[in-house]
Amino acid sequence: MPRVRRYGYIVEWYVGDHVPRHVHVYDQKGRFLGRLDMDSLTGLEGWTPDRKLVKLVEELQNEGWV
């Protein structure tokens, strides 16, 4: 389970996890915030991520992390 801690967020994902392809997002204290769909960069289950988090995930994609 890869995990990246950056900009006050903890982003983790599971190799071979179920679809849709997503990451789990926590705040800097480890509290669960929600899941972010990697294809549409939108929150799952009605969660709306802030723009800072979406930019972070885009950055991680460009770096080849996720």
C-alpha atoms as a PDB file:
ATOM      1  CA  MET A   1       0.000   0.000   0.000  1.00  0.00           C
ATOM      2  CA  PRO A   2       1.848   3.105  -1.203  1.00  0.00           C
ATOM      3  CA  ARG A   3       1.335   6.255   0.848  1.00  0.00           C
ATOM      4  CA  VAL A   4       2.375   9.844   0.152  1.00  0.00           C
ATOM      5  CA  ARG A   5       2.265  12.653   2.696  1.00  0.00           C
ATOM      6  CA  ARG A   6       2.248  16.120   1.167  1.00  0.00           C
ATOM      7  CA  TYR A   7       0.590  19.548   1.622  1.00  0.00           C
ATOM      8  CA  GLY A   8      -1.260  18.483   4.762  1.00  0.00           C
ATOM      9  CA  TYR A   9      -2.776  15.376   3.173  1.00  0.00           C
ATOM     10  CA  ILE A  10      -2.021  11.681   3.320  1.00  0.00           C
ATOM     11  CA  VAL A  11      -2.888   9.928   0.062  1.00  0.00           C
ATOM     12  CA  GLU A  12      -2.830   6.156  -0.104  1.00  0.00           C
ATOM     13  CA  TRP A  13      -3.911   3.513  -2.590  1.00  0.00           C
ATOM     14  CA  TYR A  14      -4.010  -0.239  -2.836  1.00  0.00           C
ATOM     15  CA  VAL A  15      -2.531  -2.093  -5.784  1.00  0.00           C
ATOM     16  CA  GLY A  16      -5.297  -4.205  -7.350  1.00  0.00           C
ATOM     17  CA  ASP A  17      -8.072  -2.430  -5.424  1.00  0.00           C
ATOM     18  CA  HIS A  18     -11.636  -2.499  -6.776  1.00  0.00           C
ATOM     19  CA  VAL A  19     -12.883  -0.144  -9.477  1.00  0.00           C
ATOM     20  CA  PRO A  20     -13.271   2.736  -9.915  1.00  0.00           C
ATOM     21  CA  ARG A  21      -9.551   3.441  -9.646  1.00  0.00           C
ATOM     22  CA  HIS A  22      -9.279   5.702  -6.606  1.00  0.00           C
ATOM     23  CA  VAL A  23      -7.120   6.929  -3.728  1.00  0.00           C
ATOM     24  CA  HIS A  24      -7.983   7.233  -0.048  1.00  0.00           C
ATOM     25  CA  VAL A  25      -7.382  10.676   1.443  1.00  0.00           C
ATOM     26  CA  TYR A  26      -6.664  11.581   5.083  1.00  0.00           C
ATOM     27  CA  ASP A  27      -5.835  14.857   6.769  1.00  0.00           C
ATOM     28  CA  GLN A  28      -2.465  15.421   8.431  1.00  0.00           C
ATOM     29  CA  LYS A  29      -3.791  13.955  11.699  1.00  0.00           C
ATOM     30  CA  GLY A  30      -4.830  10.745   9.954  1.00  0.00           C
ATOM     31  CA  ARG A  31      -8.582  11.405   9.873  1.00  0.00           C
ATOM     32  CA  PHE A  32     -10.317   9.949   6.824  1.00  0.00           C
ATOM     33  CA  LEU A  33     -11.633  12.625   4.444  1.00  0.00           C
ATOM     34  CA  GLY A  34     -12.859  10.581   1.495  1.00  0.00           C
ATOM     35  CA  ARG A  35     -12.010   8.723  -1.688  1.00  0.00           C
ATOM     36  CA  LEU A  36     -11.042  10.413  -4.941  1.00  0.00           C
ATOM     37  CA  ASP A  37     -11.760   8.862  -8.345  1.00  0.00           C
ATOM     38  CA  MET A  38      -8.509   8.888 -10.336  1.00  0.00           C
ATOM     39  CA  ASP A  39     -10.114   9.093 -13.778  1.00  0.00           C
ATOM     40  CA  SER A  40     -12.499  11.996 -13.193  1.00  0.00           C
ATOM     41  CA  LEU A  41     -10.658  13.554 -10.205  1.00  0.00           C
ATOM     42  CA  THR A  42     -13.937  13.832  -8.320  1.00  0.00           C
ATOM     43  CA  GLY A  43     -14.918  12.669  -4.867  1.00  0.00           C
ATOM     44  CA  LEU A  44     -16.817   9.438  -4.342  1.00  0.00           C
ATOM     45  CA  GLU A  45     -19.908   8.978  -2.139  1.00  0.00           C
ATOM     46  CA  GLY A  46     -20.883  12.657  -2.407  1.00  0.00           C
ATOM     47  CA  TRP A  47     -17.556  13.968  -1.066  1.00  0.00           C
ATOM     48  CA  THR A  48     -16.221  17.145  -2.690  1.00  0.00           C
ATOM     49  CA  PRO A  49     -12.432  17.480  -2.480  1.00  0.00           C
ATOM     50  CA  ASP A  50     -10.889  20.934  -2.462  1.00  0.00           C
ATOM     51  CA  ARG A  51      -8.879  22.176  -5.449  1.00  0.00           C
ATOM     52  CA  LYS A  52      -5.585  21.909  -3.541  1.00  0.00           C
ATOM     53  CA  LEU A  53      -6.099  18.163  -3.163  1.00  0.00           C
ATOM     54  CA  VAL A  54      -7.035  17.695  -6.818  1.00  0.00           C
ATOM     55  CA  LYS A  55      -3.830  19.515  -7.816  1.00  0.00           C
ATOM     56  CA  LEU A  56      -1.845  17.250  -5.491  1.00  0.00           C
ATOM     57  CA  VAL A  57      -3.296  14.117  -7.086  1.00  0.00           C
ATOM     58  CA  GLU A  58      -2.591  15.509 -10.569  1.00  0.00           C
ATOM     59  CA  GLU A  59       0.983  16.128  -9.408  1.00  0.00           C
ATOM     60  CA  LEU A  60       1.271  12.546  -8.147  1.00  0.00           C
ATOM     61  CA  GLN A  61      -0.042  11.249 -11.480  1.00  0.00           C
ATOM     62  CA  ASN A  62       2.537  13.324 -13.382  1.00  0.00           C
ATOM     63  CA  GLU A  63       5.295  11.957 -11.137  1.00  0.00           C
ATOM     64  CA  GLY A  64       4.142   8.397 -11.826  1.00  0.00           C
ATOM     65  CA  TRP A  65       3.029   7.601  -8.270  1.00  0.00           C
ATOM     66  CA  VAL A  66      -0.590   6.770  -9.080  1.00  0.00           C
END
